[in-house]
Amino acid sequence: MKNIVFMLSVMIFSNLSFASDGRVYLFTPSEQVKLGSEFYVDVLVEGLPNVYGVDLSLQYDPKAFQPIDSDDKQSGLQIENGNFFDDSRLYVLRNSIDADLGKVSYIASQMSPAAEVYGNGRIARIKFKSLGEKNEGMLRIIKTEFGKRNGQTLVFDTGLDLNFVFDDGYEVPSQPSRFELSVSLLLVVLCVLCLAIVGVWTFYRRTRRAL
């Protein structure tokens, strides 16, 4: 536990390195949302080099958005872990939503023996409901710092803010799919499929030779 906290502390307080490759951005199916309905926002990454953890902060309009808790077994409000990091070896130091200030804080790191991850994926998912007090509201990334296993911290370009408009005339946004494959699980599935194909082909050839 002390090693994990130390690694996260190094990631947060070490000197920053601005990386030219990779970006972090917000995604939602539509920024035109039916008043009073539920919707979700994903924090996505694209083209990231090897990283081991993240320190993420978001800001939203508390008069327009009502956050929905992703884990009712825990006290307070939490957001949902993504599929970019190895969830089976992920230590979450902070996962909280301040509904009064409209701030989301999320700090997480993988644990040994997990390897660094890279490429594309989802860091987190936040679910909201339109409060109906305002017809528009903004959501933005205010901080994203990624830590490498050696303690180096990387900062990447962030995408544009999301500017939501709420109205009774808009449709209820589509909800996320319940079935999502993580990168590691997808690789396992592909490997099993390849082995199965090789096995069938080998059996077929042996059967033909026997005939």
Protein backbone atom coordinates (compact mmCIF):
# COMPACT_ATOMS: atom_id res chain seq x y z
CA MET A 1 0.00 0.00 0.00
CA LYS A 2 2.80 2.46 0.86
CA ASN A 3 4.44 1.80 -2.52
CA ILE A 4 1.18 2.54 -4.34
CA VAL A 5 0.60 5.81 -2.47
CA PHE A 6 4.22 6.82 -3.08
CA MET A 7 3.90 6.15 -6.82
CA LEU A 8 0.71 8.18 -7.01
CA SER A 9 2.31 11.01 -5.03
CA VAL A 10 5.28 11.08 -7.41
CA MET A 11 2.88 11.12 -10.34
CA ILE A 12 0.97 14.09 -8.92
CA PHE A 13 3.84 16.26 -7.69
CA SER A 14 6.72 15.51 -10.06
CA ASN A 15 7.79 17.79 -12.90
CA LEU A 16 5.49 17.67 -15.89
CA SER A 17 6.52 16.65 -19.39
CA PHE A 18 4.32 17.90 -22.22
CA ALA A 19 3.88 15.15 -24.78
CA SER A 20 3.31 15.96 -28.44
CA ASP A 21 1.55 12.67 -29.17
CA GLY A 22 -1.79 11.60 -27.78
CA ARG A 23 -4.86 13.48 -26.65
CA VAL A 24 -7.60 13.36 -24.02
CA TYR A 25 -11.13 14.39 -24.88
CA LEU A 26 -14.79 14.20 -23.83
CA PHE A 27 -17.40 12.27 -25.78
CA THR A 28 -21.19 12.11 -25.55
CA PRO A 29 -23.69 10.85 -28.14
CA SER A 30 -25.43 14.23 -28.34
CA GLU A 31 -25.12 17.62 -26.71
CA GLN A 32 -28.82 18.25 -27.35
CA VAL A 33 -30.57 16.48 -24.48
CA LYS A 34 -34.22 16.16 -23.55
CA LEU A 35 -34.95 18.18 -20.43
CA GLY A 36 -34.95 16.03 -17.29
CA SER A 37 -33.43 12.95 -18.96
CA GLU A 38 -30.27 11.00 -18.14
CA PHE A 39 -27.12 11.07 -20.29
CA TYR A 40 -23.47 10.06 -20.06
CA VAL A 41 -20.06 11.49 -20.89
CA ASP A 42 -16.92 9.45 -21.54
CA VAL A 43 -13.35 10.60 -20.95
CA LEU A 44 -11.44 9.07 -23.85
CA VAL A 45 -7.77 8.89 -24.81
CA GLU A 46 -6.24 8.47 -28.24
CA GLY A 47 -2.68 7.63 -29.25
CA LEU A 48 -1.19 7.66 -25.75
CA PRO A 49 2.31 6.26 -25.17
CA ASN A 50 3.03 3.94 -22.23
CA VAL A 51 1.39 5.21 -19.02
CA TYR A 52 0.59 3.70 -15.63
CA GLY A 53 -1.87 6.04 -13.89
CA VAL A 54 -3.93 9.21 -14.19
CA ASP A 55 -4.89 12.30 -12.21
CA LEU A 56 -8.12 13.67 -13.71
CA SER A 57 -10.37 16.62 -12.80
CA LEU A 58 -13.53 17.83 -14.51
CA GLN A 59 -15.74 20.86 -13.97
CA TYR A 60 -19.46 21.04 -14.73
CA ASP A 61 -22.36 23.41 -14.07
CA PRO A 62 -24.00 22.19 -10.82
CA LYS A 63 -27.21 24.07 -11.67
CA ALA A 64 -27.59 22.17 -14.94
CA PHE A 65 -26.21 18.70 -14.18
CA GLN A 66 -27.17 16.24 -11.46
CA PRO A 67 -24.47 13.55 -11.12
CA ILE A 68 -25.59 9.92 -10.88
CA ASP A 69 -23.61 7.67 -8.55
CA SER A 70 -21.91 4.71 -10.27
CA ASP A 71 -21.53 2.67 -7.07
CA ASP A 72 -24.28 2.83 -4.46
CA LYS A 73 -22.32 0.46 -2.20
CA GLN A 74 -19.77 3.20 -1.50
CA SER A 75 -20.46 6.42 0.38
CA GLY A 76 -20.52 9.63 -1.64
CA LEU A 77 -20.73 10.01 -5.40
CA GLN A 78 -18.37 8.12 -7.72
CA ILE A 79 -17.74 7.93 -11.44
CA GLU A 80 -17.29 4.69 -13.38
CA ASN A 81 -13.86 3.21 -14.16
CA GLY A 82 -13.04 2.93 -17.84
CA ASN A 83 -11.42 0.13 -19.84
CA PHE A 84 -8.08 1.77 -20.70
CA PHE A 85 -6.24 0.59 -17.58
CA ASP A 86 -6.16 -2.99 -16.31
CA ASP A 87 -9.18 -2.91 -14.00
CA SER A 88 -8.09 -6.10 -12.21
CA ARG A 89 -4.88 -4.37 -11.08
CA LEU A 90 -6.16 -0.82 -10.65
CA TYR A 91 -5.85 1.07 -7.36
CA VAL A 92 -8.17 4.08 -7.10
CA LEU A 93 -6.80 6.68 -4.68
CA ARG A 94 -9.59 9.20 -5.26
CA ASN A 95 -12.99 8.93 -6.92
CA SER A 96 -15.40 11.66 -5.86
CA ILE A 97 -17.93 14.18 -7.13
CA ASP A 98 -18.60 17.46 -5.33
CA ALA A 99 -22.19 18.13 -6.37
CA ASP A 100 -22.19 21.62 -4.82
CA LEU A 101 -19.07 22.81 -6.63
CA GLY A 102 -19.62 20.74 -9.76
CA LYS A 103 -16.20 19.09 -9.63
CA VAL A 104 -15.13 15.54 -10.44
CA SER A 105 -11.83 14.20 -9.03
CA TYR A 106 -10.33 10.88 -10.10
CA ILE A 107 -6.85 9.54 -9.33
CA ALA A 108 -5.94 5.95 -10.15
CA SER A 109 -2.87 3.84 -10.85
CA GLN A 110 -2.17 0.29 -11.87
CA MET A 111 -0.34 -2.01 -9.48
CA SER A 112 2.60 -4.33 -10.04
CA PRO A 113 2.94 -6.65 -11.91
CA ALA A 114 0.66 -4.84 -14.38
CA ALA A 115 2.48 -3.46 -17.43
CA GLU A 116 2.10 0.06 -18.73
CA VAL A 117 -0.74 0.57 -21.20
CA TYR A 118 -0.89 2.60 -24.39
CA GLY A 119 -3.09 3.50 -27.35
CA ASN A 120 -6.80 4.28 -27.26
CA GLY A 121 -9.48 3.69 -24.64
CA ARG A 122 -11.84 5.07 -22.04
CA ILE A 123 -10.49 6.49 -18.77
CA ALA A 124 -13.84 6.98 -17.07
CA ARG A 125 -17.56 7.47 -17.59
CA ILE A 126 -19.75 10.03 -15.81
CA LYS A 127 -23.54 9.84 -15.79
CA PHE A 128 -25.75 12.88 -15.30
CA LYS A 129 -29.37 13.93 -15.29
CA SER A 130 -30.60 17.29 -16.52
CA LEU A 131 -31.84 19.25 -13.51
CA GLY A 132 -34.24 21.42 -15.46
CA GLU A 133 -33.09 24.60 -13.71
CA LYS A 134 -31.09 25.76 -16.76
CA ASN A 135 -31.48 25.18 -20.49
CA GLU A 136 -27.75 24.88 -21.08
CA GLY A 137 -24.62 23.78 -19.27
CA MET A 138 -20.91 23.20 -19.89
CA LEU A 139 -18.57 20.35 -18.99
CA ARG A 140 -14.79 20.66 -19.31
CA ILE A 141 -11.55 18.94 -18.45
CA ILE A 142 -9.55 21.10 -16.05
CA LYS A 143 -6.72 18.66 -15.32
CA THR A 144 -5.28 15.49 -16.85
CA GLU A 145 -1.86 14.23 -15.82
CA PHE A 146 -0.68 10.72 -16.64
CA GLY A 147 2.05 8.96 -14.71
CA LYS A 148 4.56 6.46 -16.03
CA ARG A 149 5.84 3.58 -13.94
CA ASN A 150 9.17 5.38 -13.35
CA GLY A 151 7.38 8.41 -11.86
CA GLN A 152 7.52 10.67 -14.91
CA THR A 153 4.36 12.67 -15.49
CA LEU A 154 2.95 13.39 -18.95
CA VAL A 155 0.40 15.96 -20.04
CA PHE A 156 -1.46 15.69 -23.35
CA ASP A 157 -3.66 17.96 -25.41
CA THR A 158 -7.30 18.04 -24.29
CA GLY A 159 -10.33 18.31 -26.53
CA LEU A 160 -13.02 20.95 -26.58
CA ASP A 161 -15.55 21.58 -23.83
CA LEU A 162 -18.99 20.01 -24.15
CA ASN A 163 -21.78 22.58 -24.33
CA PHE A 164 -25.13 20.95 -23.62
CA VAL A 165 -28.51 22.38 -24.53
CA PHE A 166 -31.62 21.03 -22.75
CA ASP A 167 -35.13 21.21 -24.16
CA ASP A 168 -38.36 19.19 -24.07
CA GLY A 169 -38.25 18.97 -27.85
CA TYR A 170 -35.01 16.98 -27.93
CA GLU A 171 -34.80 13.19 -27.79
CA VAL A 172 -33.64 11.16 -24.81
CA PRO A 173 -29.93 10.40 -25.47
CA SER A 174 -28.86 6.84 -26.24
CA GLN A 175 -27.43 4.90 -23.31
CA PRO A 176 -24.06 3.10 -23.30
CA SER A 177 -23.90 -0.51 -24.38
CA ARG A 178 -23.96 -3.00 -21.53
CA PHE A 179 -21.44 -5.23 -23.28
CA GLU A 180 -18.00 -3.72 -23.76
CA LEU A 181 -14.72 -5.54 -24.32
CA SER A 182 -11.60 -4.18 -22.69
CA VAL A 183 -8.40 -4.24 -24.74
CA SER A 184 -6.94 -7.11 -22.72
CA LEU A 185 -10.15 -9.15 -22.95
CA LEU A 186 -10.37 -8.49 -26.68
CA LEU A 187 -6.82 -9.78 -27.15
CA VAL A 188 -7.66 -12.93 -25.20
CA VAL A 189 -10.77 -13.51 -27.31
CA LEU A 190 -8.80 -13.03 -30.53
CA CYS A 191 -6.06 -15.43 -29.36
CA VAL A 192 -8.60 -18.10 -28.44
CA LEU A 193 -10.33 -17.64 -31.80
CA CYS A 194 -7.03 -17.98 -33.68
CA LEU A 195 -6.11 -21.12 -31.73
CA ALA A 196 -9.52 -22.59 -32.46
CA ILE A 197 -9.12 -21.91 -36.20
CA VAL A 198 -5.63 -23.46 -36.22
CA GLY A 199 -6.93 -26.47 -34.31
CA VAL A 200 -9.81 -27.04 -36.72
CA TRP A 201 -7.54 -26.65 -39.73
CA THR A 202 -4.97 -29.09 -38.29
CA PHE A 203 -7.69 -31.64 -37.54
CA TYR A 204 -9.10 -31.23 -41.05
CA ARG A 205 -5.69 -31.82 -42.68
CA ARG A 206 -4.97 -34.87 -40.54
CA THR A 207 -8.39 -36.32 -41.38
CA ARG A 208 -7.79 -35.87 -45.11
CA ARG A 209 -4.39 -37.55 -44.88
CA ALA A 210 -5.90 -40.49 -43.00
CA LEU A 211 -8.38 -40.97 -45.82
